[in-house]
Amino acid sequence: MPSFQKYIPAVTQYIADIATKVKQLTEQSTDQSKPTDFLWRVVSLIYNHRRKANCCKQYVHQRYHQQQANEWQVLLNEQIGEQKTQEMLAQLSSVLAQANRSSSMIETINSRLKPYLKGVRGQMNQERLNLIRFYLNHQPYERSRVAERKGFSPYQLFYQKQDDKRDWYTILSEDYINKRA
């Protein structure tokens, strides 16, 4: 979608920042020797199992992830020592705590498109997606955390046309279809 093209530089910068932080982690030297990529992968595996153990709802899954984290940590402690393992886990935790793990924008897009995609089954083309995008951009928000947005469409807010009370079909016909004719 062309409207997301303005976010591409920010996303690429975000990925570059994360890559730089990971590179700094792998290049940092500690007391005895430099941790290898393999050691960082094991540390990230321990971190992920700990995180999943806290996120799981079922006790069986929690216990599995706790056991996996403990087993990997024991193996890593035998290889590099407990103090160095704890240092690496702390470094990884501090880097990952700074990273934004939000997928709310994607979930919002999926939830807004889902009702329109149910009935088409294989008949979706770019023109239909453009029409759905136009419709959604001109529909007023029914609710919003920001009180000033409620009752206004993204079109009205972006172009600062809060006085424009036309519905989406009128805007489409007057501003786009009649101009081409």
Protein backbone atom coordinates (compact mmCIF):
# COMPACT_ATOMS: atom_id res chain seq x y z
CA MET A 1 0.00 0.00 0.00
CA PRO A 2 1.46 3.36 -0.97
CA SER A 3 0.39 4.98 2.31
CA PHE A 4 2.88 2.78 4.18
CA GLN A 5 5.80 3.85 2.01
CA LYS A 6 6.42 6.84 4.28
CA TYR A 7 7.17 4.41 7.15
CA ILE A 8 9.84 2.45 5.23
CA PRO A 9 12.78 4.72 6.26
CA ALA A 10 11.78 4.50 9.94
CA VAL A 11 11.44 0.72 9.79
CA THR A 12 14.78 0.27 8.04
CA GLN A 13 16.43 2.56 10.59
CA TYR A 14 14.85 0.51 13.41
CA ILE A 15 16.21 -2.72 11.90
CA ALA A 16 19.63 -1.15 11.47
CA ASP A 17 19.62 -0.02 15.13
CA ILE A 18 18.76 -3.52 16.33
CA ALA A 19 21.46 -5.01 14.09
CA THR A 20 23.98 -2.54 15.53
CA LYS A 21 23.03 -3.47 19.09
CA VAL A 22 23.35 -7.18 18.32
CA LYS A 23 26.72 -6.57 16.69
CA GLN A 24 27.86 -4.61 19.75
CA LEU A 25 26.82 -7.49 21.97
CA THR A 26 28.76 -10.03 19.94
CA GLU A 27 31.83 -7.78 19.73
CA GLN A 28 31.95 -6.91 23.44
CA SER A 29 34.76 -8.67 25.19
CA THR A 30 34.29 -9.97 28.70
CA ASP A 31 36.73 -11.11 31.39
CA GLN A 32 38.07 -14.34 29.89
CA SER A 33 37.26 -14.42 26.19
CA LYS A 34 34.93 -13.11 23.58
CA PRO A 35 31.50 -14.83 23.42
CA THR A 36 30.86 -16.49 20.09
CA ASP A 37 27.70 -16.30 18.01
CA PHE A 38 26.82 -19.79 19.21
CA LEU A 39 26.98 -18.70 22.86
CA TRP A 40 24.72 -15.73 22.12
CA ARG A 41 22.25 -18.06 20.42
CA VAL A 42 22.18 -20.29 23.49
CA VAL A 43 21.68 -17.24 25.73
CA SER A 44 18.83 -16.04 23.51
CA LEU A 45 17.32 -19.53 23.65
CA ILE A 46 17.39 -19.42 27.46
CA TYR A 47 15.87 -15.93 27.40
CA ASN A 48 13.07 -17.00 25.03
CA HIS A 49 12.21 -20.08 27.10
CA ARG A 50 12.02 -17.95 30.24
CA ARG A 51 9.79 -15.43 28.50
CA LYS A 52 7.50 -18.14 27.12
CA ALA A 53 7.28 -19.76 30.57
CA ASN A 54 5.88 -16.47 31.88
CA CYS A 55 3.46 -16.02 28.97
CA CYS A 56 1.94 -19.52 28.79
CA LYS A 57 -1.45 -20.07 30.36
CA GLN A 58 -1.28 -23.84 30.72
CA TYR A 59 0.90 -25.22 33.48
CA VAL A 60 2.25 -28.01 31.25
CA HIS A 61 3.66 -25.48 28.78
CA GLN A 62 5.04 -23.28 31.56
CA ARG A 63 6.82 -26.26 33.09
CA TYR A 64 8.23 -27.37 29.72
CA HIS A 65 9.72 -23.92 29.00
CA GLN A 66 11.11 -23.64 32.54
CA GLN A 67 12.77 -27.05 32.19
CA GLN A 68 14.23 -26.16 28.81
CA ALA A 69 15.61 -22.85 30.12
CA ASN A 70 17.13 -24.60 33.14
CA GLU A 71 18.71 -27.37 31.05
CA TRP A 72 20.28 -24.93 28.61
CA GLN A 73 21.48 -22.73 31.45
CA VAL A 74 23.15 -25.69 33.18
CA LEU A 75 24.94 -26.59 29.94
CA LEU A 76 26.04 -22.99 29.42
CA ASN A 77 27.20 -22.69 33.04
CA GLU A 78 29.39 -25.76 32.54
CA GLN A 79 30.96 -24.25 29.43
CA ILE A 80 31.58 -20.63 30.44
CA GLY A 81 30.72 -20.34 34.14
CA GLU A 82 27.70 -19.07 36.02
CA GLN A 83 28.90 -15.47 36.39
CA LYS A 84 29.57 -15.03 32.67
CA THR A 85 26.20 -16.64 31.83
CA GLN A 86 24.41 -14.19 34.13
CA GLU A 87 26.31 -11.25 32.59
CA MET A 88 25.35 -12.32 29.06
CA LEU A 89 21.70 -12.82 30.09
CA ALA A 90 21.67 -9.35 31.69
CA GLN A 91 23.18 -7.78 28.55
CA LEU A 92 20.65 -9.50 26.30
CA SER A 93 17.77 -8.51 28.57
CA SER A 94 18.84 -4.85 28.55
CA VAL A 95 19.08 -4.78 24.74
CA LEU A 96 15.73 -6.52 24.24
CA ALA A 97 14.03 -4.32 26.83
CA GLN A 98 14.75 -1.32 24.61
CA ALA A 99 13.23 -2.97 21.51
CA ASN A 100 9.61 -2.28 20.65
CA ARG A 101 7.69 -5.55 20.13
CA SER A 102 4.36 -4.09 19.12
CA SER A 103 2.25 -5.60 16.36
CA SER A 104 -0.81 -3.50 17.08
CA MET A 105 -0.70 -1.72 13.71
CA ILE A 106 -0.80 -5.04 11.83
CA GLU A 107 -3.55 -6.39 14.09
CA THR A 108 -5.60 -3.24 13.52
CA ILE A 109 -5.25 -3.55 9.77
CA ASN A 110 -6.21 -7.24 9.86
CA SER A 111 -9.25 -6.64 12.06
CA ARG A 112 -10.47 -3.79 9.85
CA LEU A 113 -9.99 -5.69 6.58
CA LYS A 114 -11.36 -9.06 7.72
CA PRO A 115 -15.09 -8.27 7.29
CA TYR A 116 -14.52 -7.14 3.69
CA LEU A 117 -12.34 -10.10 2.75
CA LYS A 118 -14.66 -12.86 3.98
CA GLY A 119 -17.02 -12.89 1.02
CA VAL A 120 -14.63 -12.36 -1.88
CA ARG A 121 -12.61 -15.63 -1.77
CA GLY A 122 -10.02 -15.34 -4.51
CA GLN A 123 -11.60 -12.31 -6.19
CA MET A 124 -9.54 -9.67 -4.40
CA ASN A 125 -7.67 -7.31 -6.68
CA GLN A 126 -5.87 -4.01 -6.22
CA GLU A 127 -8.88 -1.92 -7.28
CA ARG A 128 -11.05 -3.50 -4.60
CA LEU A 129 -8.33 -3.00 -1.97
CA ASN A 130 -8.05 0.66 -3.00
CA LEU A 131 -11.81 1.09 -2.62
CA ILE A 132 -11.77 -0.55 0.83
CA ARG A 133 -8.85 1.68 1.85
CA PHE A 134 -10.71 4.76 0.61
CA TYR A 135 -13.83 3.73 2.53
CA LEU A 136 -11.92 3.07 5.77
CA ASN A 137 -9.98 6.33 5.50
CA HIS A 138 -13.24 8.28 5.16
CA GLN A 139 -15.23 6.52 7.90
CA PRO A 140 -15.41 8.50 11.17
CA TYR A 141 -13.95 6.91 14.27
CA GLU A 142 -16.71 5.63 16.54
CA ARG A 143 -14.38 5.54 19.55
CA SER A 144 -10.82 6.56 20.25
CA ARG A 145 -8.46 6.93 23.17
CA VAL A 146 -7.82 10.47 21.93
CA ALA A 147 -11.03 12.43 22.47
CA GLU A 148 -10.31 14.86 19.60
CA ARG A 149 -10.42 12.01 17.05
CA LYS A 150 -13.86 10.69 17.96
CA GLY A 151 -16.41 11.44 15.25
CA PHE A 152 -13.80 12.37 12.63
CA SER A 153 -12.34 10.27 9.83
CA PRO A 154 -8.60 9.84 9.20
CA TYR A 155 -9.14 11.92 6.04
CA GLN A 156 -10.58 14.80 8.06
CA LEU A 157 -7.83 14.63 10.67
CA PHE A 158 -4.94 14.31 8.21
CA TYR A 159 -6.06 17.13 5.91
CA GLN A 160 -7.48 19.17 8.81
CA LYS A 161 -10.95 19.26 7.26
CA GLN A 162 -13.07 18.76 10.38
CA ASP A 163 -15.80 20.93 8.80
CA ASP A 164 -16.16 18.53 5.84
CA LYS A 165 -19.14 16.36 6.87
CA ARG A 166 -19.66 14.56 3.54
CA ASP A 167 -19.84 10.77 3.56
CA TRP A 168 -17.29 8.65 1.72
CA TYR A 169 -19.43 8.04 -1.36
CA THR A 170 -20.08 11.75 -1.87
CA ILE A 171 -16.35 12.52 -1.56
CA LEU A 172 -15.56 9.74 -4.03
CA SER A 173 -18.10 10.92 -6.59
CA GLU A 174 -17.48 14.68 -6.25
CA ASP A 175 -13.73 14.78 -5.80
CA TYR A 176 -12.59 11.88 -7.95
CA ILE A 177 -15.19 10.57 -10.39
CA ASN A 178 -16.56 13.96 -11.53
CA LYS A 179 -13.05 15.42 -11.98
CA ARG A 180 -12.17 12.66 -14.45
CA ALA A 181 -15.32 13.12 -16.49
